[in-house]
Amino acid sequence: MKKYKITHRVSADFIAEIIVNEDEINIQTNDLKEYKKPNSKFEYTMLKGTESVTQTTYEEYDEKFNNSIKE
């Protein structure tokens, strides 16, 4: 039986949060320094109900090509 890989491109709203020490930012000038944009150090929470599928594709799936350990 054939298998298919289904891929959804999803758009959603997230909250990114991090706890930092006071010496890591400058509250006098509102300078968040390295925390101006969220990165991998932040914890992310997706806001329920904000997700929407923007694109969907499917293709035939062959385990032989997708698992380099099997021969």
N, C-alpha and C. Protein backbone atom coordinates (compact mmCIF):
# COMPACT_ATOMS: atom_id res chain seq x y z
N MET A 1 0.84 -1.17 0.00
CA MET A 1 0.00 0.00 0.00
C MET A 1 0.89 1.24 0.00
N LYS A 2 0.57 2.20 -0.85
CA LYS A 2 1.34 3.44 -0.94
C LYS A 2 1.11 4.29 0.30
N LYS A 3 2.15 5.06 0.63
CA LYS A 3 2.04 6.03 1.72
C LYS A 3 2.24 7.42 1.13
N TYR A 4 1.62 8.40 1.76
CA TYR A 4 1.74 9.78 1.32
C TYR A 4 2.16 10.67 2.47
N LYS A 5 3.03 11.62 2.19
CA LYS A 5 3.45 12.61 3.16
C LYS A 5 2.62 13.87 2.91
N ILE A 6 1.89 14.31 3.94
CA ILE A 6 1.07 15.51 3.84
C ILE A 6 1.77 16.62 4.63
N THR A 7 1.94 17.77 4.01
CA THR A 7 2.60 18.90 4.65
C THR A 7 1.65 20.10 4.64
N HIS A 8 1.44 20.66 5.82
CA HIS A 8 0.63 21.88 5.95
C HIS A 8 1.55 23.03 6.31
N ARG A 9 1.43 24.14 5.62
CA ARG A 9 2.10 25.38 6.03
C ARG A 9 1.07 26.13 6.86
N VAL A 10 1.45 26.43 8.11
CA VAL A 10 0.51 26.98 9.07
C VAL A 10 0.98 28.36 9.53
N SER A 11 0.03 29.26 9.65
CA SER A 11 0.28 30.58 10.21
C SER A 11 -0.47 30.66 11.53
N ALA A 12 0.18 31.23 12.57
CA ALA A 12 -0.45 31.32 13.88
C ALA A 12 0.20 32.43 14.69
N ASP A 13 -0.48 32.86 15.74
CA ASP A 13 0.07 33.85 16.66
C ASP A 13 0.69 33.13 17.85
N PHE A 14 1.84 33.63 18.28
CA PHE A 14 2.56 33.06 19.40
C PHE A 14 2.91 34.14 20.41
N ILE A 15 3.07 33.73 21.64
CA ILE A 15 3.65 34.58 22.67
C ILE A 15 5.04 34.01 22.95
N ALA A 16 6.04 34.88 22.94
CA ALA A 16 7.42 34.47 23.25
C ALA A 16 7.81 35.14 24.55
N GLU A 17 8.22 34.34 25.53
CA GLU A 17 8.54 34.88 26.85
C GLU A 17 9.90 34.37 27.34
N ILE A 18 10.57 35.23 28.12
CA ILE A 18 11.84 34.86 28.73
C ILE A 18 12.00 35.67 30.01
N ILE A 19 12.64 35.10 31.00
CA ILE A 19 12.97 35.79 32.24
C ILE A 19 14.45 36.13 32.20
N VAL A 20 14.79 37.41 32.43
CA VAL A 20 16.19 37.85 32.37
C VAL A 20 16.56 38.59 33.65
N ASN A 21 17.83 38.64 33.93
CA ASN A 21 18.34 39.43 35.06
C ASN A 21 18.35 40.91 34.68
N GLU A 22 18.23 41.76 35.68
CA GLU A 22 18.15 43.20 35.42
C GLU A 22 19.38 43.76 34.72
N ASP A 23 20.53 43.12 34.89
CA ASP A 23 21.74 43.62 34.24
C ASP A 23 21.84 43.23 32.76
N GLU A 24 20.89 42.43 32.28
CA GLU A 24 20.90 42.00 30.89
C GLU A 24 20.14 42.96 29.97
N ILE A 25 19.38 43.90 30.55
CA ILE A 25 18.65 44.89 29.77
C ILE A 25 18.82 46.26 30.43
N ASN A 26 18.49 47.31 29.70
CA ASN A 26 18.58 48.66 30.26
C ASN A 26 17.17 49.25 30.30
N ILE A 27 16.57 49.27 31.49
CA ILE A 27 15.20 49.76 31.60
C ILE A 27 15.12 51.29 31.51
N GLN A 28 16.23 51.99 31.71
CA GLN A 28 16.25 53.45 31.60
C GLN A 28 16.03 53.90 30.16
N THR A 29 16.62 53.15 29.22
CA THR A 29 16.51 53.51 27.80
C THR A 29 15.62 52.55 27.02
N ASN A 30 14.98 51.62 27.72
CA ASN A 30 14.14 50.59 27.08
C ASN A 30 14.92 49.75 26.07
N ASP A 31 16.19 49.52 26.36
CA ASP A 31 17.04 48.71 25.48
C ASP A 31 17.01 47.26 25.95
N LEU A 32 16.40 46.42 25.16
CA LEU A 32 16.31 44.99 25.49
C LEU A 32 17.54 44.21 25.04
N LYS A 33 18.49 44.89 24.44
CA LYS A 33 19.76 44.32 23.99
C LYS A 33 19.54 43.08 23.14
N GLU A 34 20.10 41.94 23.54
CA GLU A 34 19.99 40.73 22.71
C GLU A 34 18.59 40.13 22.71
N TYR A 35 17.68 40.70 23.48
CA TYR A 35 16.31 40.17 23.58
C TYR A 35 15.31 41.00 22.80
N LYS A 36 15.78 41.86 21.89
CA LYS A 36 14.89 42.69 21.08
C LYS A 36 13.97 41.84 20.19
N LYS A 37 14.49 40.72 19.74
CA LYS A 37 13.70 39.78 18.93
C LYS A 37 13.79 38.42 19.59
N PRO A 38 12.70 37.67 19.58
CA PRO A 38 12.73 36.34 20.19
C PRO A 38 13.72 35.42 19.47
N ASN A 39 14.37 34.58 20.25
CA ASN A 39 15.30 33.60 19.68
C ASN A 39 15.05 32.25 20.37
N SER A 40 15.98 31.35 20.22
CA SER A 40 15.78 29.99 20.76
C SER A 40 15.79 29.94 22.28
N LYS A 41 16.21 31.02 22.94
CA LYS A 41 16.21 31.05 24.40
C LYS A 41 14.80 31.30 24.96
N PHE A 42 13.90 31.83 24.17
CA PHE A 42 12.54 32.14 24.59
C PHE A 42 11.68 30.88 24.65
N GLU A 43 10.65 30.92 25.48
CA GLU A 43 9.63 29.88 25.49
C GLU A 43 8.45 30.39 24.68
N TYR A 44 7.92 29.54 23.81
CA TYR A 44 6.85 29.93 22.90
C TYR A 44 5.55 29.22 23.27
N THR A 45 4.47 29.99 23.20
CA THR A 45 3.13 29.44 23.41
C THR A 45 2.26 29.89 22.24
N MET A 46 1.67 28.92 21.54
CA MET A 46 0.77 29.28 20.44
C MET A 46 -0.59 29.64 21.02
N LEU A 47 -1.15 30.73 20.54
CA LEU A 47 -2.47 31.15 21.00
C LEU A 47 -3.53 30.30 20.31
N LYS A 48 -4.28 29.58 21.11
CA LYS A 48 -5.28 28.65 20.60
C LYS A 48 -6.31 29.39 19.74
N GLY A 49 -6.60 28.81 18.61
CA GLY A 49 -7.61 29.37 17.71
C GLY A 49 -7.05 30.35 16.69
N THR A 50 -5.76 30.66 16.75
CA THR A 50 -5.18 31.62 15.80
C THR A 50 -4.57 30.93 14.58
N GLU A 51 -4.50 29.61 14.61
CA GLU A 51 -3.83 28.91 13.52
C GLU A 51 -4.71 28.86 12.27
N SER A 52 -4.06 28.98 11.12
CA SER A 52 -4.76 28.82 9.85
C SER A 52 -3.79 28.19 8.86
N VAL A 53 -4.31 27.29 8.05
CA VAL A 53 -3.50 26.61 7.04
C VAL A 53 -3.42 27.52 5.82
N THR A 54 -2.20 27.84 5.40
CA THR A 54 -2.02 28.72 4.25
C THR A 54 -1.68 27.95 2.98
N GLN A 55 -1.17 26.73 3.15
CA GLN A 55 -0.83 25.91 1.99
C GLN A 55 -0.76 24.45 2.42
N THR A 56 -1.23 23.57 1.56
CA THR A 56 -1.15 22.14 1.83
C THR A 56 -0.63 21.43 0.59
N THR A 57 0.33 20.53 0.80
CA THR A 57 0.84 19.71 -0.29
C THR A 57 0.89 18.26 0.16
N TYR A 58 0.90 17.35 -0.79
CA TYR A 58 1.12 15.95 -0.47
C TYR A 58 1.94 15.33 -1.59
N GLU A 59 2.71 14.33 -1.19
CA GLU A 59 3.56 13.64 -2.14
C GLU A 59 3.71 12.19 -1.72
N GLU A 60 3.99 11.37 -2.70
CA GLU A 60 4.19 9.96 -2.40
C GLU A 60 5.39 9.82 -1.48
N TYR A 61 5.26 8.97 -0.48
CA TYR A 61 6.29 8.80 0.55
C TYR A 61 6.92 7.43 0.38
N ASP A 62 8.24 7.41 0.26
CA ASP A 62 8.97 6.16 0.14
C ASP A 62 9.99 6.10 1.26
N GLU A 63 9.82 5.19 2.19
CA GLU A 63 10.71 5.08 3.35
C GLU A 63 12.16 4.82 2.96
N LYS A 64 12.38 4.18 1.84
CA LYS A 64 13.74 3.88 1.39
C LYS A 64 14.53 5.16 1.15
N PHE A 65 13.88 6.20 0.62
CA PHE A 65 14.56 7.46 0.33
C PHE A 65 14.64 8.35 1.55
N ASN A 66 13.78 8.16 2.53
CA ASN A 66 13.71 9.07 3.67
C ASN A 66 14.39 8.55 4.92
N ASN A 67 14.93 7.36 4.89
CA ASN A 67 15.64 6.82 6.05
C ASN A 67 16.98 6.27 5.56
N SER A 68 18.05 7.03 5.78
CA SER A 68 19.35 6.65 5.25
C SER A 68 19.96 5.43 5.94
N ILE A 69 19.41 5.00 7.08
CA ILE A 69 19.93 3.85 7.80
C ILE A 69 19.49 2.55 7.12
N LYS A 70 18.25 2.53 6.60
CA LYS A 70 17.75 1.32 5.95
C LYS A 70 18.40 1.16 4.58
N GLU A 71 18.70 -0.06 4.24
CA GLU A 71 19.26 -0.33 2.92
C GLU A 71 18.63 -1.59 2.38
